[in-house]
Protein backbone atom coordinates (compact mmCIF):
# COMPACT_ATOMS: atom_id res chain seq x y z
CA MET A 1 87.32 132.24 159.34
CA THR A 2 86.21 135.48 161.00
CA THR A 3 88.19 137.32 163.64
CA PRO A 4 86.92 138.26 167.11
CA PRO A 5 85.28 141.68 167.25
CA GLU A 6 85.88 144.11 170.04
CA SER A 7 83.39 143.74 172.82
CA PRO A 8 81.10 146.77 173.23
CA ASN A 9 81.03 146.26 177.01
CA PRO A 10 84.26 145.98 179.04
CA GLY A 11 82.73 143.46 181.42
CA ARG A 12 82.13 140.84 178.76
CA GLU A 13 84.46 138.13 177.58
CA GLU A 14 86.11 139.08 174.30
CA ASN A 15 87.46 135.71 173.21
CA VAL A 16 84.36 134.40 171.47
CA PRO A 17 84.40 135.20 167.76
CA ALA A 18 80.67 135.22 167.39
CA ALA A 19 79.39 138.74 166.97
CA ALA A 20 76.77 139.65 164.45
CA PRO A 21 77.81 140.78 161.06
CA ALA A 22 77.96 144.39 160.35
CA GLY A 23 74.78 145.87 159.14
CA ASN A 24 76.10 148.79 157.20
CA GLY A 25 75.84 148.53 153.49
CA ASP A 26 74.17 146.19 151.16
CA SER A 27 77.20 144.20 150.17
CA THR A 28 77.95 143.25 153.76
CA ALA A 29 74.58 141.59 154.35
CA GLU A 30 74.54 139.93 150.95
CA GLU A 31 78.08 138.61 151.14
CA SER A 32 77.52 137.39 154.71
CA ILE A 33 74.84 134.95 153.55
CA SER A 34 76.86 133.73 150.58
CA ARG A 35 80.07 133.46 152.60
CA PHE A 36 78.43 131.55 155.45
CA ALA A 37 76.37 129.31 153.14
CA GLY A 38 79.48 128.30 151.18
CA PRO A 39 81.18 126.21 153.90
CA VAL A 40 77.86 124.58 154.78
CA SER A 41 77.32 123.56 151.15
CA LEU A 42 80.85 122.22 150.79
CA ALA A 43 80.68 120.21 154.02
CA THR A 44 77.18 118.98 153.25
CA LEU A 45 78.31 117.92 149.79
CA ILE A 46 80.97 115.74 151.40
CA SER A 47 78.39 114.30 153.80
CA ARG A 48 75.86 113.65 151.04
CA VAL A 49 78.43 111.95 148.84
CA ALA A 50 79.27 109.67 151.75
CA GLY A 51 75.54 109.21 152.28
CA PHE A 52 75.12 108.08 148.70
CA PHE A 53 77.84 105.49 149.11
CA ARG A 54 76.00 104.35 152.23
CA ASP A 55 72.71 104.09 150.32
CA LEU A 56 74.43 102.30 147.43
CA LEU A 57 75.60 99.64 149.86
CA ILE A 58 72.18 99.38 151.52
CA ALA A 59 70.53 98.99 148.12
CA LYS A 60 73.14 96.44 147.03
CA PHE A 61 72.79 94.31 150.18
CA PHE A 62 69.07 94.63 150.89
CA GLY A 63 67.41 96.04 147.73
CA ALA A 64 63.77 97.06 148.26
CA ALA A 65 62.55 93.95 150.07
CA MET A 66 61.48 92.97 153.60
CA MET A 67 64.68 93.78 155.54
CA ALA A 68 65.08 97.14 153.80
CA ASP A 69 61.47 98.11 154.58
CA ALA A 70 61.96 97.11 158.25
CA PHE A 71 65.17 99.13 158.58
CA PHE A 72 63.78 102.26 156.90
CA VAL A 73 60.74 102.32 159.17
CA ALA A 74 62.91 101.78 162.27
CA PHE A 75 65.39 104.40 161.09
CA ALA A 76 62.55 106.90 160.55
CA ILE A 77 62.44 107.59 164.30
CA PRO A 78 66.06 108.70 164.86
CA ASN A 79 66.02 110.38 161.46
CA LEU A 80 62.95 112.38 162.45
CA PHE A 81 64.71 113.50 165.63
CA ARG A 82 67.74 114.53 163.56
CA ARG A 83 65.61 116.65 161.26
CA MET A 84 63.60 118.14 164.10
CA PHE A 85 66.62 119.00 166.26
CA MET A 86 69.38 119.83 163.81
CA GLU A 87 67.31 121.39 161.04
CA GLY A 88 64.30 122.30 163.18
CA ALA A 89 63.88 123.00 166.85
CA LEU A 90 67.40 123.55 168.16
CA SER A 91 68.70 125.28 165.05
CA SER A 92 65.64 127.52 165.05
CA SER A 93 65.09 128.04 168.80
CA PHE A 94 68.52 127.63 170.36
CA LEU A 95 70.30 130.09 168.07
CA PRO A 96 68.02 133.13 168.60
CA VAL A 97 67.94 132.65 172.39
CA TYR A 98 71.70 131.99 172.53
CA SER A 99 72.33 135.17 170.51
CA GLU A 100 70.05 137.18 172.77
CA VAL A 101 71.62 135.86 176.00
CA ARG A 102 75.10 136.57 174.63
CA GLU A 103 74.07 140.06 173.50
CA GLN A 104 72.44 141.00 176.81
CA SER A 105 74.40 139.03 179.44
CA GLY A 106 77.77 138.16 177.91
CA ALA A 107 79.57 135.11 176.59
CA ARG A 108 79.94 133.25 179.91
CA GLN A 109 76.21 133.36 180.61
CA ALA A 110 75.59 132.12 177.06
CA ARG A 111 77.89 129.14 177.73
CA LYS A 112 75.96 128.38 180.93
CA PHE A 113 72.74 128.54 178.95
CA ALA A 114 74.18 126.01 176.47
CA GLY A 115 75.32 123.81 179.36
CA GLY A 116 71.85 123.88 180.89
CA MET A 117 70.39 122.84 177.56
CA LEU A 118 72.86 119.94 177.34
CA VAL A 119 71.94 118.67 180.79
CA PHE A 120 68.24 118.84 179.98
CA LEU A 121 68.66 117.09 176.62
CA VAL A 122 70.70 114.25 178.13
CA PHE A 123 68.01 113.68 180.76
CA ALA A 124 65.08 113.99 178.35
CA GLY A 125 66.83 111.88 175.72
CA SER A 126 67.59 109.13 178.25
CA VAL A 127 63.97 109.00 179.41
CA GLY A 128 62.76 108.95 175.81
CA CYS A 129 65.27 106.22 174.99
CA VAL A 130 64.06 103.96 177.83
CA VAL A 131 60.41 104.49 176.91
CA GLY A 132 61.13 103.91 173.21
CA ILE A 133 63.03 100.69 173.83
CA TRP A 134 60.31 99.37 176.15
CA PHE A 135 57.48 100.17 173.73
CA ALA A 136 59.35 99.46 170.48
CA GLU A 137 56.88 96.92 169.13
CA PRO A 138 53.71 98.98 169.79
CA LEU A 139 55.53 101.94 168.27
CA MET A 140 56.22 99.95 165.12
CA ARG A 141 52.59 98.87 164.98
CA ALA A 142 51.64 102.56 165.11
CA LEU A 143 54.19 103.73 162.53
CA ALA A 144 53.71 100.83 160.13
CA PRO A 145 50.38 99.12 160.91
CA GLY A 146 50.66 97.19 157.66
CA PHE A 147 53.57 95.25 159.20
CA SER A 148 51.16 93.54 161.62
CA SER A 149 50.28 91.03 158.91
CA ASN A 150 53.95 89.96 158.72
CA PRO A 151 55.24 89.04 162.22
CA GLU A 152 58.79 88.55 160.95
CA LYS A 153 58.96 92.05 159.47
CA LEU A 154 57.33 93.59 162.56
CA GLY A 155 59.72 91.78 164.93
CA LEU A 156 62.78 92.84 162.93
CA ALA A 157 61.63 96.47 162.79
CA ALA A 158 61.06 96.50 166.56
CA GLN A 159 64.50 94.98 167.22
CA LEU A 160 66.22 97.54 164.99
CA THR A 161 64.29 100.32 166.73
CA ARG A 162 65.58 99.19 170.14
CA ILE A 163 69.15 99.22 168.86
CA MET A 164 68.90 102.70 167.30
CA PHE A 165 66.93 104.58 169.96
CA PRO A 166 70.05 105.78 171.91
CA PHE A 167 70.89 107.79 168.79
CA ILE A 168 68.42 110.47 169.95
CA ILE A 169 70.62 111.29 172.96
CA PHE A 170 73.61 112.10 170.79
CA ILE A 171 71.44 114.09 168.37
CA GLY A 172 70.53 116.57 171.11
CA LEU A 173 74.17 116.98 172.16
CA TRP A 174 75.27 117.35 168.56
CA ALA A 175 72.61 119.99 167.86
CA VAL A 176 73.65 122.22 170.81
CA ALA A 177 77.31 121.99 169.81
CA ALA A 178 76.43 122.78 166.20
CA GLY A 179 74.31 125.75 167.28
CA MET A 180 77.18 127.24 169.29
CA LEU A 181 79.62 126.79 166.42
CA ASN A 182 77.15 128.33 163.97
CA ALA A 183 76.66 131.29 166.31
CA ALA A 184 80.45 131.70 166.28
CA ARG A 185 80.26 131.72 162.45
CA ARG A 186 82.00 128.33 162.21
CA PHE A 187 79.73 126.48 159.79
CA PHE A 188 81.95 123.86 158.18
CA VAL A 189 82.52 121.58 161.18
CA PRO A 190 78.81 121.13 162.17
CA ALA A 191 77.82 120.54 158.56
CA PHE A 192 80.67 118.06 158.04
CA ALA A 193 79.95 116.03 161.20
CA PRO A 194 77.14 113.92 159.64
CA ALA A 195 79.69 112.58 157.16
CA LEU A 196 81.29 110.72 160.07
CA GLN A 197 78.10 108.76 160.68
CA ASN A 198 77.96 107.82 157.00
CA VAL A 199 81.59 106.70 157.11
CA VAL A 200 80.91 104.53 160.17
CA ILE A 201 77.92 102.93 158.42
CA ILE A 202 79.92 102.30 155.25
CA ILE A 203 82.69 100.60 157.21
CA ALA A 204 80.17 98.51 159.14
CA LEU A 205 78.43 97.34 155.95
CA LEU A 206 81.69 96.50 154.20
CA LEU A 207 82.86 94.45 157.18
CA ALA A 208 79.46 92.81 157.55
CA GLY A 209 79.57 91.77 153.91
CA PHE A 210 82.66 89.70 154.61
CA LEU A 211 82.02 88.52 158.15
CA VAL A 212 78.32 87.86 158.72
CA SER A 213 75.11 86.82 156.97
CA ARG A 214 72.71 89.32 155.41
CA GLY A 215 70.30 88.86 158.31
CA GLU A 216 73.00 89.83 160.80
CA ALA A 217 74.31 92.64 158.57
CA ILE A 218 71.07 94.59 159.02
CA ARG A 219 71.77 94.65 162.79
CA TRP A 220 75.33 95.85 162.19
CA LEU A 221 73.80 98.68 160.18
CA ALA A 222 71.59 99.66 163.13
CA TRP A 223 74.50 99.68 165.59
CA ALA A 224 76.54 101.78 163.16
CA VAL A 225 73.81 104.45 163.23
CA VAL A 226 74.28 104.86 167.01
CA ILE A 227 78.09 104.82 166.92
CA GLY A 228 78.07 107.32 164.09
CA GLY A 229 75.77 109.63 166.07
CA ALA A 230 78.22 109.65 168.98
CA ALA A 231 81.09 110.40 166.60
CA GLN A 232 79.22 113.45 165.27
CA PHE A 233 79.04 115.05 168.72
CA PHE A 234 82.56 114.27 169.96
CA PHE A 235 84.08 115.45 166.68
CA GLN A 236 82.91 119.02 167.39
CA LEU A 237 84.30 119.31 170.93
CA PRO A 238 87.97 120.07 170.04
CA PHE A 239 86.87 122.93 167.76
CA MET A 240 84.66 124.36 170.50
CA GLY A 241 87.53 124.11 172.97
CA LYS A 242 89.80 126.00 170.61
CA LEU A 243 87.22 128.80 170.36
CA ARG A 244 86.69 128.73 174.16
CA ILE A 245 82.95 128.19 173.80
CA LEU A 246 82.60 124.81 175.50
CA PRO A 247 79.27 124.68 177.39
CA LEU A 248 79.36 125.08 181.16
CA PRO A 249 77.13 122.32 182.64
CA SER A 250 74.38 123.96 184.68
CA ILE A 251 71.08 123.13 186.33
CA PRO A 252 68.56 123.91 183.58
CA TRP A 253 65.92 125.70 185.66
CA ARG A 254 68.53 128.01 187.21
CA VAL A 255 69.95 129.28 183.92
CA GLU A 256 68.75 132.25 181.93
CA GLY A 257 67.17 131.35 178.60
CA VAL A 258 66.62 127.59 179.03
CA GLY A 259 62.92 127.87 179.80
CA ARG A 260 62.38 130.25 176.93
CA CYS A 261 64.25 128.01 174.51
CA LEU A 262 62.26 124.95 175.56
CA ALA A 263 59.01 126.88 175.16
CA LEU A 264 60.05 127.75 171.61
CA MET A 265 61.30 124.26 170.78
CA GLY A 266 57.94 122.47 170.73
CA PRO A 267 56.35 124.58 167.99
CA ALA A 268 59.67 124.93 166.15
CA ALA A 269 60.17 121.17 166.10
CA LEU A 270 56.96 120.53 164.22
CA GLY A 271 57.15 123.66 162.07
CA GLY A 272 60.73 122.98 161.03
CA ALA A 273 60.25 119.26 160.40
CA ILE A 274 57.06 119.44 158.36
CA PHE A 275 58.63 117.60 155.43
CA GLN A 276 59.81 114.74 157.67
CA VAL A 277 56.42 114.52 159.38
CA ASN A 278 54.87 114.18 155.93
CA VAL A 279 57.41 111.49 155.04
CA LEU A 280 56.41 109.58 158.19
CA VAL A 281 52.79 109.79 157.11
CA ASP A 282 53.85 108.45 153.71
CA ARG A 283 55.59 105.48 155.31
CA TRP A 284 52.68 104.80 157.63
CA LEU A 285 50.28 104.57 154.70
CA ALA A 286 52.85 102.83 152.46
CA SER A 287 53.01 99.95 154.96
CA PHE A 288 49.55 98.96 153.64
CA LEU A 289 50.76 98.91 150.02
CA VAL A 290 52.80 96.35 148.12
CA GLU A 291 56.14 95.27 149.57
CA GLY A 292 58.90 97.66 148.59
CA SER A 293 56.75 100.82 148.68
CA ILE A 294 58.52 102.14 151.78
CA SER A 295 61.91 101.55 150.17
CA TYR A 296 60.88 103.25 146.93
CA LEU A 297 59.87 106.35 148.89
CA TYR A 298 63.09 106.26 150.93
CA TYR A 299 65.41 106.10 147.91
CA ALA A 300 63.46 108.84 146.13
CA ASN A 301 63.52 111.02 149.24
CA ARG A 302 67.29 110.59 149.49
CA LEU A 303 67.80 111.95 146.00
CA VAL A 304 65.44 114.90 146.53
CA GLN A 305 67.40 115.72 149.68
CA LEU A 306 70.61 116.16 147.66
CA PRO A 307 69.95 119.67 146.24
CA HIS A 308 67.75 120.46 149.24
CA GLY A 309 70.40 119.51 151.80
CA ILE A 310 73.56 120.62 150.02
CA LEU A 311 72.36 124.00 148.81
CA SER A 312 68.96 125.26 149.98
CA LEU A 313 69.33 124.10 153.61
CA ALA A 314 72.86 125.53 153.57
CA VAL A 315 71.38 128.93 152.76
CA VAL A 316 68.88 128.56 155.62
CA SER A 317 71.66 127.50 158.03
CA ALA A 318 73.62 130.60 157.08
CA VAL A 319 70.76 133.11 157.17
CA LEU A 320 69.29 132.05 160.55
CA PRO A 321 72.19 133.22 162.78
CA VAL A 322 72.48 136.43 160.74
CA LEU A 323 68.78 137.23 161.06
CA SER A 324 68.83 136.16 164.73
CA ASP A 325 71.60 138.63 165.51
CA TYR A 326 69.81 141.43 163.66
CA ALA A 327 66.59 140.61 165.51
CA ALA A 328 68.37 140.53 168.90
CA LYS A 329 69.96 143.92 168.24
CA ASN A 330 66.66 145.35 167.03
CA ARG A 331 64.88 144.17 170.20
CA GLU A 332 67.55 145.81 172.34
CA ASN A 333 67.97 149.03 170.37
CA SER A 334 64.52 149.32 168.72
CA ALA A 335 66.30 150.03 165.46
CA SER A 336 66.15 148.41 162.06
CA GLY A 337 68.10 148.90 158.87
CA ASP A 338 68.34 147.62 155.35
CA SER A 339 70.80 144.86 156.20
CA GLU A 340 68.14 142.45 157.47
CA ARG A 341 66.13 142.97 154.28
CA ASN A 342 69.18 142.51 152.08
CA ALA A 343 70.12 139.29 153.88
CA MET A 344 66.62 137.92 153.32
CA LEU A 345 66.66 138.95 149.67
CA GLU A 346 70.00 137.24 149.10
CA ALA A 347 68.82 134.05 150.80
CA GLY A 348 65.53 134.05 148.88
CA ARG A 349 67.20 134.49 145.52
CA LEU A 350 69.71 131.75 146.24
CA THR A 351 66.97 129.36 147.35
CA LEU A 352 64.95 129.94 144.16
CA PHE A 353 68.03 129.85 141.93
CA ILE A 354 69.00 126.46 143.34
CA THR A 355 65.69 124.66 143.79
CA ILE A 356 63.86 125.58 140.59
CA PRO A 357 66.28 124.01 138.08
CA SER A 358 66.80 121.08 140.45
CA THR A 359 63.04 120.46 140.42
CA PHE A 360 62.73 120.23 136.64
CA GLY A 361 66.06 118.46 136.25
CA LEU A 362 65.06 115.67 138.65
CA ILE A 363 61.67 115.28 136.98
CA ALA A 364 63.30 115.03 133.53
CA LEU A 365 66.11 112.66 134.52
CA ALA A 366 64.52 110.66 137.36
CA HIS A 367 64.78 107.26 135.68
CA PRO A 368 68.39 107.51 134.43
CA ILE A 369 69.51 108.94 137.80
CA MET A 370 67.97 106.04 139.69
CA GLU A 371 69.39 103.59 137.18
CA VAL A 372 72.95 104.92 137.47
CA ILE A 373 73.00 105.27 141.25
CA PHE A 374 71.09 102.30 142.61
CA GLU A 375 70.47 99.59 139.98
CA ARG A 376 72.87 96.83 140.99
CA GLY A 377 72.87 93.78 143.23
CA ALA A 378 69.47 93.27 144.90
CA PHE A 379 68.15 96.53 143.41
CA THR A 380 66.45 95.47 140.17
CA GLN A 381 65.18 97.29 137.08
CA ASP A 382 61.63 97.14 138.45
CA HIS A 383 62.85 98.86 141.61
CA THR A 384 64.41 101.57 139.42
CA VAL A 385 61.14 102.25 137.59
CA ALA A 386 59.13 102.46 140.81
CA SER A 387 61.66 104.61 142.68
CA ALA A 388 61.98 107.00 139.71
CA ALA A 389 58.23 107.59 139.70
CA ALA A 390 58.34 108.44 143.43
CA LEU A 391 61.31 110.75 142.78
CA GLN A 392 59.37 112.73 140.17
CA ALA A 393 56.47 113.20 142.59
CA TYR A 394 58.77 114.37 145.41
CA ALA A 395 60.76 116.63 143.05
CA ALA A 396 57.60 118.59 142.24
CA GLY A 397 57.72 119.98 145.78
CA LEU A 398 61.44 120.66 146.00
CA MET A 399 61.14 124.44 145.68
CA PHE A 400 58.46 124.50 148.37
CA PHE A 401 60.61 122.43 150.75
CA GLY A 402 63.37 125.05 150.55
CA VAL A 403 61.03 128.06 150.74
CA THR A 404 59.23 126.60 153.76
CA ARG A 405 62.46 126.19 155.72
CA LEU A 406 63.60 129.69 154.79
CA LEU A 407 60.34 131.44 155.72
CA ALA A 408 60.00 129.45 158.95
CA GLY A 409 63.52 130.63 159.82
CA VAL A 410 62.37 134.26 159.51
CA PHE A 411 59.76 133.71 162.22
CA HIS A 412 62.15 131.71 164.42
CA ALA A 413 64.78 134.46 164.24
CA ARG A 414 62.15 136.82 165.63
CA LEU A 415 61.27 134.32 168.39
CA ASN A 416 57.86 133.65 166.88
CA THR A 417 57.38 129.89 166.59
CA SER A 418 53.62 129.79 167.05
CA PHE A 419 52.69 130.91 163.54
CA PRO A 420 54.91 128.38 161.71
CA VAL A 421 53.45 125.55 163.79
CA ARG A 422 49.90 126.61 162.92
CA CYS A 423 50.86 126.50 159.26
CA ALA A 424 52.54 123.12 159.79
CA ASN A 425 49.43 121.69 161.45
CA ILE A 426 47.28 122.72 158.49
CA ALA A 427 49.84 121.27 156.07
CA VAL A 428 50.00 117.93 157.93
CA LEU A 429 46.21 117.60 157.92
CA ALA A 430 46.18 118.42 154.21
CA ASN A 431 48.89 115.83 153.60
CA VAL A 432 46.94 113.11 155.39
CA ALA A 433 43.77 113.91 153.45
CA LEU A 434 45.58 114.07 150.10
CA SER A 435 47.56 110.91 150.84
CA VAL A 436 44.44 108.89 151.59
CA ALA A 437 42.74 110.29 148.49
CA LEU A 438 45.71 109.71 146.14
CA MET A 439 47.09 106.40 147.43
CA PHE A 440 44.20 104.37 146.04
CA PRO A 441 44.46 105.49 142.39
CA PHE A 442 48.25 106.09 142.36
CA GLY A 443 49.71 103.92 145.15
CA PHE A 444 52.99 105.11 146.68
CA ILE A 445 53.33 107.76 143.94
CA GLY A 446 50.22 109.42 145.31
CA LEU A 447 51.80 109.54 148.77
CA ALA A 448 54.86 111.38 147.45
CA LEU A 449 52.68 113.74 145.42
CA ALA A 450 50.58 114.54 148.50
CA THR A 451 53.77 115.48 150.38
CA SER A 452 54.71 117.93 147.64
CA CYS A 453 51.23 119.48 147.56
CA SER A 454 51.06 119.92 151.34
CA SER A 455 54.52 121.51 151.37
CA ALA A 456 53.31 123.98 148.73
CA LEU A 457 50.37 124.85 150.95
CA ASN A 458 52.70 125.34 153.93
CA ALA A 459 54.95 127.66 151.89
CA VAL A 460 51.99 129.78 150.78
CA LEU A 461 50.67 130.12 154.34
CA LEU A 462 54.09 131.11 155.68
CA LEU A 463 54.60 133.63 152.87
CA ARG A 464 51.29 135.32 153.66
CA GLY A 465 52.31 135.55 157.31
CA VAL A 466 55.75 136.98 156.54
CA ILE A 467 54.29 139.63 154.25
CA ARG A 468 51.73 140.59 156.90
CA GLU A 469 54.32 140.78 159.72
CA TRP A 470 57.28 142.24 157.83
CA SER A 471 56.24 145.39 155.97
CA ASP A 472 59.62 145.70 154.25
CA PHE A 473 59.79 142.08 153.05
CA PRO A 474 61.37 142.03 149.55
CA LYS A 475 58.27 140.57 147.86
CA LYS A 476 58.53 142.46 144.57
CA GLU A 477 62.15 141.49 143.91
CA LEU A 478 61.59 137.82 144.78
CA VAL A 479 58.48 137.55 142.59
CA HIS A 480 60.49 139.10 139.75
CA SER A 481 63.17 136.41 140.15
CA LEU A 482 60.60 133.62 140.60
CA ASN A 483 58.82 134.35 137.32
CA ARG A 484 62.01 134.39 135.29
CA LEU A 485 63.62 131.40 136.97
CA LEU A 486 60.50 129.28 136.48
CA VAL A 487 60.71 129.82 132.73
CA LEU A 488 64.43 129.00 132.78
CA GLY A 489 63.81 125.91 134.92
CA ILE A 490 61.20 124.52 132.51
CA LEU A 491 63.50 125.11 129.53
CA THR A 492 66.38 123.44 131.38
CA GLY A 493 64.28 120.37 132.20
CA LEU A 494 63.12 120.07 128.60
CA LEU A 495 66.71 120.32 127.37
CA ALA A 496 67.87 117.60 129.79
CA TYR A 497 65.00 115.30 128.75
CA PHE A 498 65.65 115.87 125.03
CA VAL A 499 69.40 115.21 125.41
CA HIS A 500 68.74 111.94 127.23
CA LEU A 501 66.29 110.81 124.55
CA GLN A 502 68.94 111.48 121.91
CA LEU A 503 71.50 109.42 123.83
CA VAL A 504 69.04 106.53 124.00
CA HIS A 505 68.20 106.92 120.30
CA LEU A 506 71.89 106.90 119.35
CA GLN A 507 72.35 103.82 121.57
CA LEU A 508 74.92 105.67 123.70
CA TRP A 509 72.70 104.85 126.70
CA ASP A 510 72.04 101.13 127.02
CA ALA A 511 70.11 99.77 130.00
CA GLN A 512 72.36 96.69 129.96
CA GLY A 513 75.52 98.67 129.25
CA SER A 514 78.45 99.75 131.38
CA SER A 515 77.60 101.58 134.60
CA ALA A 516 80.73 103.70 134.21
CA LEU A 517 79.69 104.81 130.71
CA LYS A 518 76.19 105.66 131.89
CA LEU A 519 77.65 107.67 134.76
CA VAL A 520 79.79 109.68 132.31
CA MET A 521 76.77 110.28 130.07
CA MET A 522 74.73 111.38 133.09
CA MET A 523 77.40 113.85 134.18
CA LEU A 524 77.51 115.29 130.65
CA GLU A 525 73.72 115.68 130.59
CA VAL A 526 73.64 117.44 133.96
CA SER A 527 76.63 119.66 133.10
CA LEU A 528 75.09 120.73 129.79
CA ALA A 529 71.77 121.55 131.44
CA ALA A 530 73.51 123.49 134.24
CA CYS A 531 75.59 125.54 131.80
CA PHE A 532 72.47 126.28 129.74
CA TYR A 533 70.59 127.43 132.86
CA ILE A 534 73.38 129.62 134.23
CA PHE A 535 74.06 131.20 130.83
CA LEU A 536 70.41 132.21 130.36
CA ALA A 537 70.10 133.32 134.00
CA LYS A 538 72.91 135.81 133.43
CA LYS A 539 70.92 137.32 130.58
CA ILE A 540 67.40 137.15 132.02
CA ASP A 541 67.77 137.44 135.83
CA SER A 542 71.09 139.11 136.54
CA SER A 543 70.29 139.75 140.23
CA SER A 544 69.85 136.06 141.03
CA TYR A 545 72.86 135.25 138.87
CA ASP A 546 74.95 137.75 140.87
CA SER A 547 73.81 136.11 144.12
CA TRP A 548 74.88 132.72 142.76
CA CYS A 549 78.27 134.13 141.69
CA ARG A 550 78.87 135.53 145.17
CA PHE A 551 77.90 132.20 146.65
CA THR A 552 80.23 130.14 144.43
CA ARG A 553 83.09 132.64 144.67
CA LEU A 554 82.99 132.80 148.45
CA THR A 555 82.49 129.04 148.74
CA TRP A 556 85.83 128.39 147.09
CA GLY A 557 87.56 131.39 148.66
CA LYS A 558 88.07 133.31 145.42
CA SER A 559 88.10 137.02 145.11
């Protein structure tokens, strides 16, 4: 927890512990990113673990059949809003404007700005909710046109959509609250809040398993999504009250910053949610494929999101407020130092250090991971094989997912959302073209592969823009780390694959054997590969290794 800094201006409130980090010295900028990313990773880990229990129950109850496909398509709408608001528009647009208003006009005006945003989001969310409920069935026909041939599946998807649409109202409220807490350097609570939704869903599914039929249980699941969304927002309010940063409800068009934030939100929403837009395209096309294709893509996406959400997005969540504060100060003082560059270098090294071994590890161990986590109940061995193939295709783009979010954050911190959205538009068009081309020879695997390829294109376009706009961007150092970590990642993946083959050969891994034993074997495989990777990284890329050490040390509060 940080302590409140002294206010530079006597007229400003001094009770909001949300000033920018010091910019003097390399270690300050580097340790800021690692220190702030640590709580996000820890909280997200808790949320993702709860999310896996949730997905285990969904797979157990519904497998990869008709009801699961209907739910996942219906859930795609609120999930897209969550990605766009929490990890896209409001995290990328709200934070820079909030930091600038607080820097130029004081803490009270910043709270009024946040209150104006809340009022607008409640109104816009309510209108969107009414429209979405009214047009639920046409919306499902648009998102999953393949469902039209199965009236039962289409009707169920539309009904679940109507139940879950109010979730978008709470997402907007949650995102503003999370943005204010992040600006105050309180990262754990916003990152932990999604765990509450997962807990609500788990409880609902467990109760439904005892009390109602499977057909009714899918509706309980939809209602739990909405209740969990409300819990996420209200959970944050006591912490905001303690910090004295509760929003002051205001008329949006009379408050400084609201118009600017809304102008930035449109481009930021698409630019920040490019991966989710591509996933929606995948599901739209997958609705024409064999039954279960949508579920295979969903389960694979969930596993790819584990390293992406726990670690790489944690780094992005930590670096955005830091870069936003530096950018706000630079706009006011027309001064720039090394701290902004050092913060970017630390975030870039951490992103590469995390995503590269995760990519090759998931490709090597896709089948055993799916088998251990999901293969039980209605989730059969055939479902495992299909989902593992989709996981390998998604994993190929994991590094690009993280790099895209990081580089888009650089532009958003500088209040430039137009360039990322141009890159996102190109990437979406490329994804559609590749998906159509690859789905015929490769089915749903081609859809996942197209998502990875389009994300790579987006990352390359953003990188070219960053290098052109930021003359002091640490390109040389990051390329140095990239080359070495790629070699280490390939070696780590090969080691993991070889170890698993030996376990199968020695009959220590039996497809019909104990799930507990297979889980232990899986943990040993992953631990061995991780130790191998970290040991070689210390020898070959000491700079990235040092960034990782700072990250882990500060995550657990060690000196």
